[in-house]
C-alpha atoms as a PDB file:
ATOM      1  CA  UNK A   1     -17.064  26.584   5.848  1.00  0.00           C
ATOM      2  CA  UNK A   2     -20.819  26.666   5.647  1.00  0.00           C
ATOM      3  CA  UNK A   3     -22.934  29.813   3.404  1.00  0.00           C
ATOM      4  CA  UNK A   4     -24.830  31.217   6.330  1.00  0.00           C
ATOM      5  CA  UNK A   5     -27.998  33.528   5.099  1.00  0.00           C
ATOM      6  CA  UNK A   6     -30.137  36.138   7.239  1.00  0.00           C
ATOM      7  CA  UNK A   7     -32.504  38.703   6.976  1.00  0.00           C
ATOM      8  CA  UNK A   8     -31.065  41.754   8.768  1.00  0.00           C
ATOM      9  CA  UNK A   9     -33.166  44.613   9.969  1.00  0.00           C
ATOM     10  CA  UNK A  10     -32.200  48.013  10.806  1.00  0.00           C
ATOM     11  CA  UNK A  11     -31.967  47.202  14.119  1.00  0.00           C
ATOM     12  CA  UNK A  12     -29.111  44.901  13.274  1.00  0.00           C
ATOM     13  CA  UNK A  13     -31.492  42.115  14.569  1.00  0.00           C
ATOM     14  CA  UNK A  14     -30.788  38.329  12.754  1.00  0.00           C
ATOM     15  CA  UNK A  15     -32.927  36.120  11.428  1.00  0.00           C
ATOM     16  CA  UNK A  16     -31.112  33.024  10.130  1.00  0.00           C
ATOM     17  CA  UNK A  17     -32.929  31.406   7.047  1.00  0.00           C
ATOM     18  CA  UNK A  18     -30.622  29.172   5.769  1.00  0.00           C
ATOM     19  CA  UNK A  19     -27.343  27.091   5.749  1.00  0.00           C
ATOM     20  CA  UNK A  20     -25.487  26.083   2.495  1.00  0.00           C
ATOM     21  CA  UNK A  21     -22.554  24.026   2.215  1.00  0.00           C
ATOM     22  CA  UNK A  22     -21.581  25.597  -1.379  1.00  0.00           C
ATOM     23  CA  UNK A  23     -21.525  28.822  -2.605  1.00  0.00           C
ATOM     24  CA  UNK A  24     -23.491  28.768  -6.072  1.00  0.00           C
ATOM     25  CA  UNK A  25     -27.088  27.299  -4.145  1.00  0.00           C
ATOM     26  CA  UNK A  26     -26.440  30.074  -1.162  1.00  0.00           C
ATOM     27  CA  UNK A  27     -26.039  33.045  -3.815  1.00  0.00           C
ATOM     28  CA  UNK A  28     -29.277  31.843  -5.804  1.00  0.00           C
ATOM     29  CA  UNK A  29     -31.622  31.626  -2.476  1.00  0.00           C
ATOM     30  CA  UNK A  30     -30.355  35.076  -1.654  1.00  0.00           C
ATOM     31  CA  UNK A  31     -31.434  36.641  -4.944  1.00  0.00           C
ATOM     32  CA  UNK A  32     -34.628  34.915  -4.737  1.00  0.00           C
ATOM     33  CA  UNK A  33     -35.308  35.891  -1.482  1.00  0.00           C
ATOM     34  CA  UNK A  34     -34.637  39.943  -2.575  1.00  0.00           C
ATOM     35  CA  UNK A  35     -36.537  39.251  -5.688  1.00  0.00           C
ATOM     36  CA  UNK A  36     -39.426  38.402  -3.570  1.00  0.00           C
ATOM     37  CA  UNK A  37     -39.075  40.942  -0.660  1.00  0.00           C
ATOM     38  CA  UNK A  38     -42.000  43.880  -1.070  1.00  0.00           C
ATOM     39  CA  UNK A  39     -40.734  47.258  -2.314  1.00  0.00           C
ATOM     40  CA  UNK A  40     -41.263  48.690   1.274  1.00  0.00           C
ATOM     41  CA  UNK A  41     -39.361  46.192   2.883  1.00  0.00           C
ATOM     42  CA  UNK A  42     -36.177  47.757   4.263  1.00  0.00           C
ATOM     43  CA  UNK A  43     -34.612  44.216   5.841  1.00  0.00           C
ATOM     44  CA  UNK A  44     -31.749  42.674   3.821  1.00  0.00           C
ATOM     45  CA  UNK A  45     -31.245  40.078   3.076  1.00  0.00           C
ATOM     46  CA  UNK A  46     -26.860  38.849   3.585  1.00  0.00           C
ATOM     47  CA  UNK A  47     -25.207  35.671   2.707  1.00  0.00           C
ATOM     48  CA  UNK A  48     -21.912  35.359   5.037  1.00  0.00           C
ATOM     49  CA  UNK A  49     -19.157  32.556   5.360  1.00  0.00           C
ATOM     50  CA  UNK A  50     -18.162  31.651   8.653  1.00  0.00           C
ATOM     51  CA  UNK A  51     -16.969  28.414  10.578  1.00  0.00           C
ATOM     52  CA  UNK A  52     -20.310  28.233  12.719  1.00  0.00           C
ATOM     53  CA  UNK A  53     -23.382  30.355  13.270  1.00  0.00           C
ATOM     54  CA  UNK A  54     -21.853  32.178  16.285  1.00  0.00           C
ATOM     55  CA  UNK A  55     -19.326  33.591  14.019  1.00  0.00           C
ATOM     56  CA  UNK A  56     -21.607  34.186  10.956  1.00  0.00           C
ATOM     57  CA  UNK A  57     -24.053  36.366  13.581  1.00  0.00           C
ATOM     58  CA  UNK A  58     -21.126  38.043  14.957  1.00  0.00           C
ATOM     59  CA  UNK A  59     -19.509  39.614  11.880  1.00  0.00           C
ATOM     60  CA  UNK A  60     -22.831  40.936  10.598  1.00  0.00           C
ATOM     61  CA  UNK A  61     -23.425  42.575  13.850  1.00  0.00           C
ATOM     62  CA  UNK A  62     -19.939  44.212  13.541  1.00  0.00           C
ATOM     63  CA  UNK A  63     -19.695  47.681  12.822  1.00  0.00           C
ATOM     64  CA  UNK A  64     -17.561  48.501   9.824  1.00  0.00           C
ATOM     65  CA  UNK A  65     -15.465  51.783   9.181  1.00  0.00           C
ATOM     66  CA  UNK A  66     -16.706  53.822   5.797  1.00  0.00           C
ATOM     67  CA  UNK A  67     -14.814  53.645   3.003  1.00  0.00           C
ATOM     68  CA  UNK A  68     -12.277  56.961   3.102  1.00  0.00           C
ATOM     69  CA  UNK A  69     -14.196  59.933   0.894  1.00  0.00           C
ATOM     70  CA  UNK A  70     -12.915  60.614  -2.386  1.00  0.00           C
ATOM     71  CA  UNK A  71     -10.500  62.284  -3.321  1.00  0.00           C
ATOM     72  CA  UNK A  72     -11.410  65.164  -5.379  1.00  0.00           C
ATOM     73  CA  UNK A  73      -9.616  63.592  -8.915  1.00  0.00           C
ATOM     74  CA  UNK A  74     -11.317  60.031  -7.960  1.00  0.00           C
ATOM     75  CA  UNK A  75     -14.698  61.889  -8.139  1.00  0.00           C
END
């Protein structure tokens, strides 16, 4: 399965940047893109592992439940 790299805006608009067959080049590309971003750029560079582009975009748009709040002994 390929690795997809996307630019994700706050409004969850997706811009595909690149597709990789191996993890390491995909991770390195993400790091380079994040380093090149301006400090005031609020877009996220995201790496997603999926069978195809449609699945990758569905996973990136999916809203996640926030994690459980910390118990007082964990904080």
